[in-house]
Amino acid sequence: MFNAALAQPEAERQALIEERCAGQPAVRNEVLNLLNARSTMGSEFLQASAVHFHGQTCGAFRAVLEVGRGGMSVVYAGDRIEGGFD
């Protein structure tokens, strides 16, 4: 619904949201919140990573390269920084 609203001219978005979210106030409110956040933070707000792990350590490993990103995670290649094996 968010993407459908963005595809419309700004003047027509509210009517589209009201029509398609009729009887679904939670969905309507979420779409409006996302549009407001996009307006406030810019068009890249959903793309920007909130947390960067590059260089961070986790146990015996250090994150060195982002290799993938999805809706709920980021995958890093890591180097082993503590002994144990080569």
N, C-alpha and C. Protein backbone atom coordinates (compact mmCIF):
# COMPACT_ATOMS: atom_id res chain seq x y z
N MET A 1 0.83 -1.19 0.00
CA MET A 1 0.00 0.00 0.00
C MET A 1 0.87 1.25 0.00
N PHE A 2 1.97 1.21 0.75
CA PHE A 2 2.89 2.35 0.79
C PHE A 2 3.42 2.65 -0.61
N ASN A 3 3.88 1.62 -1.32
CA ASN A 3 4.40 1.82 -2.67
C ASN A 3 3.31 2.31 -3.63
N ALA A 4 2.11 1.79 -3.47
CA ALA A 4 1.01 2.24 -4.32
C ALA A 4 0.71 3.72 -4.08
N ALA A 5 0.75 4.13 -2.82
CA ALA A 5 0.51 5.54 -2.49
C ALA A 5 1.62 6.42 -3.07
N LEU A 6 2.87 5.96 -3.00
CA LEU A 6 3.98 6.74 -3.55
C LEU A 6 3.87 6.91 -5.06
N ALA A 7 3.28 5.92 -5.72
CA ALA A 7 3.15 5.98 -7.18
C ALA A 7 2.14 7.02 -7.63
N GLN A 8 1.30 7.48 -6.71
CA GLN A 8 0.28 8.47 -7.04
C GLN A 8 0.81 9.88 -6.84
N PRO A 9 0.28 10.85 -7.57
CA PRO A 9 0.62 12.24 -7.26
C PRO A 9 0.23 12.53 -5.81
N GLU A 10 0.99 13.37 -5.15
CA GLU A 10 0.77 13.63 -3.73
C GLU A 10 -0.66 14.05 -3.42
N ALA A 11 -1.26 14.82 -4.29
CA ALA A 11 -2.62 15.31 -4.07
C ALA A 11 -3.66 14.19 -4.10
N GLU A 12 -3.32 13.05 -4.69
CA GLU A 12 -4.27 11.93 -4.82
C GLU A 12 -4.03 10.80 -3.82
N ARG A 13 -2.97 10.89 -3.04
CA ARG A 13 -2.60 9.80 -2.13
C ARG A 13 -3.63 9.55 -1.06
N GLN A 14 -4.10 10.60 -0.42
CA GLN A 14 -5.04 10.45 0.69
C GLN A 14 -6.30 9.70 0.25
N ALA A 15 -6.84 10.05 -0.91
CA ALA A 15 -8.05 9.38 -1.40
C ALA A 15 -7.78 7.90 -1.67
N LEU A 16 -6.64 7.59 -2.24
CA LEU A 16 -6.28 6.19 -2.50
C LEU A 16 -6.18 5.41 -1.20
N ILE A 17 -5.52 5.99 -0.23
CA ILE A 17 -5.35 5.32 1.08
C ILE A 17 -6.71 5.10 1.74
N GLU A 18 -7.54 6.11 1.74
CA GLU A 18 -8.87 5.98 2.36
C GLU A 18 -9.68 4.89 1.68
N GLU A 19 -9.60 4.83 0.35
CA GLU A 19 -10.37 3.83 -0.40
C GLU A 19 -9.86 2.41 -0.15
N ARG A 20 -8.57 2.21 -0.27
CA ARG A 20 -8.00 0.86 -0.16
C ARG A 20 -7.88 0.37 1.28
N CYS A 21 -7.87 1.28 2.24
CA CYS A 21 -7.73 0.88 3.65
C CYS A 21 -9.04 0.99 4.41
N ALA A 22 -10.14 1.11 3.70
CA ALA A 22 -11.44 1.21 4.35
C ALA A 22 -11.64 -0.01 5.25
N GLY A 23 -11.98 0.23 6.50
CA GLY A 23 -12.19 -0.86 7.45
C GLY A 23 -10.90 -1.42 8.04
N GLN A 24 -9.77 -0.82 7.70
CA GLN A 24 -8.48 -1.28 8.21
C GLN A 24 -7.70 -0.09 8.78
N PRO A 25 -8.16 0.46 9.89
CA PRO A 25 -7.53 1.67 10.42
C PRO A 25 -6.05 1.49 10.78
N ALA A 26 -5.65 0.31 11.21
CA ALA A 26 -4.24 0.09 11.55
C ALA A 26 -3.36 0.19 10.30
N VAL A 27 -3.82 -0.38 9.20
CA VAL A 27 -3.06 -0.31 7.95
C VAL A 27 -3.01 1.13 7.46
N ARG A 28 -4.16 1.79 7.50
CA ARG A 28 -4.23 3.20 7.08
C ARG A 28 -3.23 4.04 7.86
N ASN A 29 -3.23 3.88 9.18
CA ASN A 29 -2.33 4.67 10.02
C ASN A 29 -0.87 4.35 9.75
N GLU A 30 -0.56 3.09 9.52
CA GLU A 30 0.83 2.71 9.25
C GLU A 30 1.31 3.31 7.93
N VAL A 31 0.47 3.27 6.92
CA VAL A 31 0.84 3.86 5.62
C VAL A 31 1.06 5.36 5.77
N LEU A 32 0.17 6.02 6.48
CA LEU A 32 0.32 7.47 6.70
C LEU A 32 1.59 7.77 7.50
N ASN A 33 1.90 6.95 8.49
CA ASN A 33 3.13 7.14 9.27
C ASN A 33 4.37 6.96 8.39
N LEU A 34 4.35 5.96 7.52
CA LEU A 34 5.49 5.75 6.61
C LEU A 34 5.65 6.91 5.64
N LEU A 35 4.54 7.40 5.11
CA LEU A 35 4.61 8.55 4.19
C LEU A 35 5.14 9.79 4.92
N ASN A 36 4.71 9.97 6.14
CA ASN A 36 5.19 11.10 6.93
C ASN A 36 6.69 10.97 7.22
N ALA A 37 7.13 9.76 7.56
CA ALA A 37 8.56 9.53 7.82
C ALA A 37 9.37 9.77 6.56
N ARG A 38 8.87 9.33 5.43
CA ARG A 38 9.58 9.56 4.17
C ARG A 38 9.68 11.05 3.88
N SER A 39 8.62 11.77 4.14
CA SER A 39 8.61 13.21 3.93
C SER A 39 9.62 13.91 4.84
N THR A 40 9.71 13.45 6.07
CA THR A 40 10.61 14.06 7.05
C THR A 40 12.07 13.68 6.82
N MET A 41 12.32 12.39 6.54
CA MET A 41 13.68 11.88 6.49
C MET A 41 14.26 11.73 5.09
N GLY A 42 13.45 11.91 4.07
CA GLY A 42 13.95 11.77 2.71
C GLY A 42 13.62 10.42 2.10
N SER A 43 13.81 10.30 0.81
CA SER A 43 13.39 9.11 0.08
C SER A 43 14.21 7.87 0.39
N GLU A 44 15.36 8.00 1.02
CA GLU A 44 16.20 6.84 1.32
C GLU A 44 15.99 6.30 2.73
N PHE A 45 14.95 6.75 3.44
CA PHE A 45 14.82 6.39 4.84
C PHE A 45 14.65 4.90 5.07
N LEU A 46 14.05 4.16 4.17
CA LEU A 46 13.90 2.72 4.35
C LEU A 46 15.13 1.96 3.89
N GLN A 47 16.01 2.59 3.15
CA GLN A 47 17.21 1.93 2.65
C GLN A 47 18.39 2.05 3.60
N ALA A 48 18.40 3.11 4.38
CA ALA A 48 19.55 3.35 5.25
C ALA A 48 19.59 2.33 6.38
N SER A 49 20.76 1.79 6.61
CA SER A 49 20.94 0.86 7.71
C SER A 49 21.04 1.63 9.02
N ALA A 50 20.28 1.22 9.99
CA ALA A 50 20.32 1.89 11.29
C ALA A 50 21.56 1.51 12.09
N VAL A 51 22.10 0.34 11.81
CA VAL A 51 23.26 -0.15 12.54
C VAL A 51 24.30 -0.64 11.54
N HIS A 52 25.52 -0.25 11.74
CA HIS A 52 26.62 -0.70 10.89
C HIS A 52 27.55 -1.56 11.74
N PHE A 53 27.86 -2.75 11.26
CA PHE A 53 28.70 -3.67 12.02
C PHE A 53 30.13 -3.74 11.49
N HIS A 54 30.41 -3.07 10.39
CA HIS A 54 31.76 -3.16 9.82
C HIS A 54 32.80 -2.79 10.88
N GLY A 55 33.77 -3.68 11.06
CA GLY A 55 34.82 -3.45 12.06
C GLY A 55 34.46 -3.89 13.46
N GLN A 56 33.20 -4.20 13.72
CA GLN A 56 32.76 -4.64 15.05
C GLN A 56 33.19 -6.09 15.27
N THR A 57 33.41 -6.44 16.51
CA THR A 57 33.75 -7.82 16.84
C THR A 57 32.57 -8.52 17.50
N CYS A 58 32.52 -9.81 17.27
CA CYS A 58 31.51 -10.68 17.88
C CYS A 58 32.21 -11.99 18.19
N GLY A 59 32.51 -12.20 19.45
CA GLY A 59 33.25 -13.39 19.82
C GLY A 59 34.63 -13.36 19.20
N ALA A 60 34.96 -14.41 18.47
CA ALA A 60 36.29 -14.55 17.88
C ALA A 60 36.38 -13.93 16.49
N PHE A 61 35.35 -13.19 16.06
CA PHE A 61 35.31 -12.69 14.68
C PHE A 61 35.14 -11.18 14.60
N ARG A 62 35.60 -10.60 13.51
CA ARG A 62 35.42 -9.18 13.20
C ARG A 62 34.69 -9.09 11.86
N ALA A 63 33.63 -8.31 11.80
CA ALA A 63 32.89 -8.09 10.55
C ALA A 63 33.73 -7.23 9.62
N VAL A 64 33.94 -7.73 8.40
CA VAL A 64 34.82 -7.00 7.47
C VAL A 64 34.14 -6.57 6.18
N LEU A 65 33.08 -7.26 5.76
CA LEU A 65 32.47 -6.95 4.47
C LEU A 65 31.00 -7.33 4.48
N GLU A 66 30.15 -6.38 4.15
CA GLU A 66 28.72 -6.70 4.02
C GLU A 66 28.54 -7.49 2.73
N VAL A 67 27.94 -8.68 2.85
CA VAL A 67 27.76 -9.53 1.67
C VAL A 67 26.30 -9.69 1.26
N GLY A 68 25.39 -9.29 2.12
CA GLY A 68 23.98 -9.40 1.77
C GLY A 68 23.11 -8.62 2.73
N ARG A 69 21.93 -8.27 2.25
CA ARG A 69 20.99 -7.49 3.06
C ARG A 69 19.59 -7.91 2.67
N GLY A 70 18.74 -8.06 3.66
CA GLY A 70 17.35 -8.42 3.41
C GLY A 70 16.43 -7.59 4.27
N GLY A 71 15.20 -7.98 4.33
CA GLY A 71 14.21 -7.23 5.08
C GLY A 71 14.44 -7.25 6.58
N MET A 72 15.10 -8.29 7.08
CA MET A 72 15.27 -8.41 8.51
C MET A 72 16.70 -8.66 8.96
N SER A 73 17.65 -8.63 8.02
CA SER A 73 19.01 -8.90 8.46
C SER A 73 20.05 -8.34 7.50
N VAL A 74 21.27 -8.32 7.98
CA VAL A 74 22.44 -7.98 7.19
C VAL A 74 23.46 -9.08 7.44
N VAL A 75 24.10 -9.57 6.38
CA VAL A 75 25.07 -10.64 6.51
C VAL A 75 26.46 -10.08 6.19
N TYR A 76 27.40 -10.38 7.07
CA TYR A 76 28.78 -9.92 6.90
C TYR A 76 29.72 -11.11 6.78
N ALA A 77 30.78 -10.93 5.98
CA ALA A 77 31.92 -11.86 6.00
C ALA A 77 32.78 -11.39 7.15
N GLY A 78 33.41 -12.33 7.82
CA GLY A 78 34.23 -11.97 8.97
C GLY A 78 35.59 -12.62 8.93
N ASP A 79 36.50 -12.03 9.66
CA ASP A 79 37.84 -12.60 9.87
C ASP A 79 37.91 -13.10 11.30
N ARG A 80 38.54 -14.25 11.46
CA ARG A 80 38.75 -14.77 12.81
C ARG A 80 39.90 -14.00 13.43
N ILE A 81 39.68 -13.40 14.59
CA ILE A 81 40.70 -12.57 15.21
C ILE A 81 41.34 -13.22 16.42
N GLU A 82 40.79 -14.33 16.87
CA GLU A 82 41.37 -15.06 17.98
C GLU A 82 41.88 -16.40 17.47
N GLY A 83 42.86 -16.94 18.13
CA GLY A 83 43.46 -18.21 17.72
C GLY A 83 42.49 -19.37 17.78
N GLY A 84 43.02 -20.54 17.64
CA GLY A 84 42.18 -21.73 17.68
C GLY A 84 42.38 -22.57 16.44
N PHE A 85 42.39 -21.94 15.30
CA PHE A 85 42.71 -22.60 14.04
C PHE A 85 42.96 -21.54 12.99
N ASP A 86 43.62 -21.94 11.92
CA ASP A 86 43.89 -21.05 10.78
C ASP A 86 43.12 -21.51 9.57
